[in-house]
Amino acid sequence: MRLDEISNEYPYKWNEKTIVKNFGEYRIAVNSLSDPTYLTVWTDDNKRIGFLELYPITKNNEEWMSIRAVEVSPKYRKEGIATVLYGAALNVLPPEYEGLYSYLPNSSKKVQKIHKKLGGEVVDGDYMFIRRDGLE
């Protein structure tokens, strides 16, 4: 099935995956809508090319999803996939979470750029927060 033959209403099922976002030729799937801790990026031929892993934490008396890991296969980098993964994660967070949190000492300029694109803020140089309400 080609992407242009798919409904753009989310979520929908594709190859036993729950798709929450189409992005160009790619699909972003989530492991669970009620407890989203793992998002993956898939090509049209069902090849996994990236992922974002989350876990819940409490910071400043607020509930956040912390980013444990994010990766995009080298062949597919510089296409904005990581930014779309972050955005998809923000969109599927249950209401009890404020947004995404990262502890990134000495983080790369690429990671900081993603956070800034999504309205994130850096606190004390190494702590990055992206509030879900920043997307609205």
Protein backbone atom coordinates (compact mmCIF):
# COMPACT_ATOMS: atom_id res chain seq x y z
CA MET A 1 0.00 0.00 0.00
CA ARG A 2 1.36 3.42 -0.93
CA LEU A 3 1.21 6.44 1.33
CA ASP A 4 -1.12 8.31 -1.01
CA GLU A 5 -3.61 5.44 -0.62
CA ILE A 6 -3.71 5.77 3.18
CA SER A 7 -6.13 7.76 5.27
CA ASN A 8 -4.50 10.73 6.98
CA GLU A 9 -6.69 10.24 10.03
CA TYR A 10 -4.55 9.17 12.96
CA PRO A 11 -4.02 6.77 14.47
CA TYR A 12 -4.47 3.99 11.96
CA LYS A 13 -3.10 0.46 11.63
CA TRP A 14 -0.46 -0.49 9.07
CA ASN A 15 1.48 -3.79 9.13
CA GLU A 16 0.33 -4.39 12.72
CA LYS A 17 1.72 -1.00 13.79
CA THR A 18 -0.18 1.98 15.18
CA ILE A 19 0.69 4.88 12.90
CA VAL A 20 0.46 8.37 14.40
CA LYS A 21 2.09 10.42 11.64
CA ASN A 22 2.96 10.25 7.94
CA PHE A 23 6.04 12.20 6.95
CA GLY A 24 6.98 12.25 3.28
CA GLU A 25 7.66 8.64 2.39
CA TYR A 26 7.81 7.57 6.02
CA ARG A 27 5.40 6.50 8.75
CA ILE A 28 5.83 7.04 12.49
CA ALA A 29 4.43 4.34 14.76
CA VAL A 30 3.98 4.24 18.54
CA ASN A 31 4.10 1.19 20.80
CA SER A 32 1.05 2.28 22.84
CA LEU A 33 -1.31 5.24 22.77
CA SER A 34 -1.97 5.02 26.51
CA ASP A 35 1.70 4.62 27.48
CA PRO A 36 3.82 5.90 24.56
CA THR A 37 7.42 5.02 25.33
CA TYR A 38 8.75 3.96 21.93
CA LEU A 39 8.20 5.59 18.54
CA THR A 40 9.64 4.16 15.35
CA VAL A 41 10.05 5.43 11.78
CA TRP A 42 9.28 3.07 8.89
CA THR A 43 9.79 3.21 5.14
CA ASP A 44 7.07 2.19 2.71
CA ASP A 45 8.74 -1.21 2.36
CA ASN A 46 8.49 -1.79 6.15
CA LYS A 47 12.12 -1.05 7.02
CA ARG A 48 12.74 0.57 10.41
CA ILE A 49 15.02 3.58 9.97
CA GLY A 50 14.77 5.35 13.31
CA PHE A 51 13.36 5.44 16.81
CA LEU A 52 12.78 7.60 19.86
CA GLU A 53 12.60 6.02 23.32
CA LEU A 54 10.93 7.72 26.30
CA TYR A 55 10.42 7.09 30.01
CA PRO A 56 8.34 8.95 32.60
CA ILE A 57 9.98 11.19 35.21
CA THR A 58 9.00 13.88 37.70
CA LYS A 59 10.84 17.21 37.47
CA ASN A 60 9.93 20.31 39.44
CA ASN A 61 6.77 18.57 40.70
CA GLU A 62 5.57 18.01 37.11
CA GLU A 63 5.27 14.82 35.07
CA TRP A 64 7.43 14.66 31.94
CA MET A 65 8.51 12.07 29.41
CA SER A 66 12.28 11.98 29.29
CA ILE A 67 14.12 11.11 26.10
CA ARG A 68 16.28 8.05 26.68
CA ALA A 69 17.51 7.67 23.11
CA VAL A 70 16.88 8.91 19.59
CA GLU A 71 18.44 7.53 16.45
CA VAL A 72 18.00 7.86 12.70
CA SER A 73 19.94 5.58 10.33
CA PRO A 74 22.83 7.50 8.73
CA LYS A 75 21.42 7.14 5.20
CA TYR A 76 18.25 8.99 6.26
CA ARG A 77 19.74 11.83 8.31
CA LYS A 78 19.36 15.50 7.34
CA GLU A 79 15.74 14.90 6.26
CA GLY A 80 14.18 16.32 9.43
CA ILE A 81 13.12 12.89 10.70
CA ALA A 82 14.37 13.42 14.27
CA THR A 83 12.43 16.69 14.54
CA VAL A 84 9.26 14.99 13.31
CA LEU A 85 9.82 12.15 15.81
CA TYR A 86 9.99 14.67 18.67
CA GLY A 87 6.84 16.39 17.41
CA ALA A 88 4.98 13.09 17.06
CA ALA A 89 6.01 12.16 20.61
CA LEU A 90 4.63 15.46 21.93
CA ASN A 91 1.36 14.89 20.07
CA VAL A 92 0.75 11.42 21.53
CA LEU A 93 1.66 12.16 25.15
CA PRO A 94 -1.18 11.45 27.57
CA PRO A 95 -2.58 14.61 29.23
CA GLU A 96 -0.79 14.05 32.54
CA TYR A 97 2.58 14.84 30.90
CA GLU A 98 3.79 18.42 30.46
CA GLY A 99 6.04 17.54 27.53
CA LEU A 100 9.49 16.16 26.74
CA TYR A 101 12.56 16.49 28.94
CA SER A 102 16.21 15.75 28.16
CA TYR A 103 19.38 15.84 30.19
CA LEU A 104 21.98 16.44 27.53
CA PRO A 105 25.35 17.53 28.85
CA ASN A 106 27.51 18.77 26.00
CA SER A 107 24.66 18.14 23.57
CA SER A 108 25.26 18.67 19.92
CA LYS A 109 24.08 21.76 18.08
CA LYS A 110 21.73 19.48 16.09
CA VAL A 111 19.89 18.38 19.24
CA GLN A 112 19.65 21.95 20.52
CA LYS A 113 18.29 23.04 17.12
CA ILE A 114 15.52 20.40 17.31
CA HIS A 115 14.53 21.59 20.77
CA LYS A 116 14.45 25.23 19.67
CA LYS A 117 12.36 24.41 16.56
CA LEU A 118 9.74 22.89 18.83
CA GLY A 119 9.72 25.78 21.29
CA GLY A 120 11.98 24.12 23.83
CA GLU A 121 13.98 25.85 26.51
CA VAL A 122 17.39 25.10 27.96
CA VAL A 123 17.79 25.34 31.73
CA ASP A 124 21.21 25.43 33.41
CA GLY A 125 22.92 24.59 30.12
CA ASP A 126 22.20 20.85 30.10
CA TYR A 127 18.48 20.41 30.81
CA MET A 128 16.08 20.81 27.91
CA PHE A 129 12.31 21.03 28.19
CA ILE A 130 9.76 21.08 25.37
CA ARG A 131 6.26 21.81 26.63
CA ARG A 132 3.42 20.24 24.70
CA ASP A 133 1.55 23.56 24.82
CA GLY A 134 4.39 25.06 22.80
CA LEU A 135 3.00 23.29 19.74
CA GLU A 136 -0.46 24.80 19.99
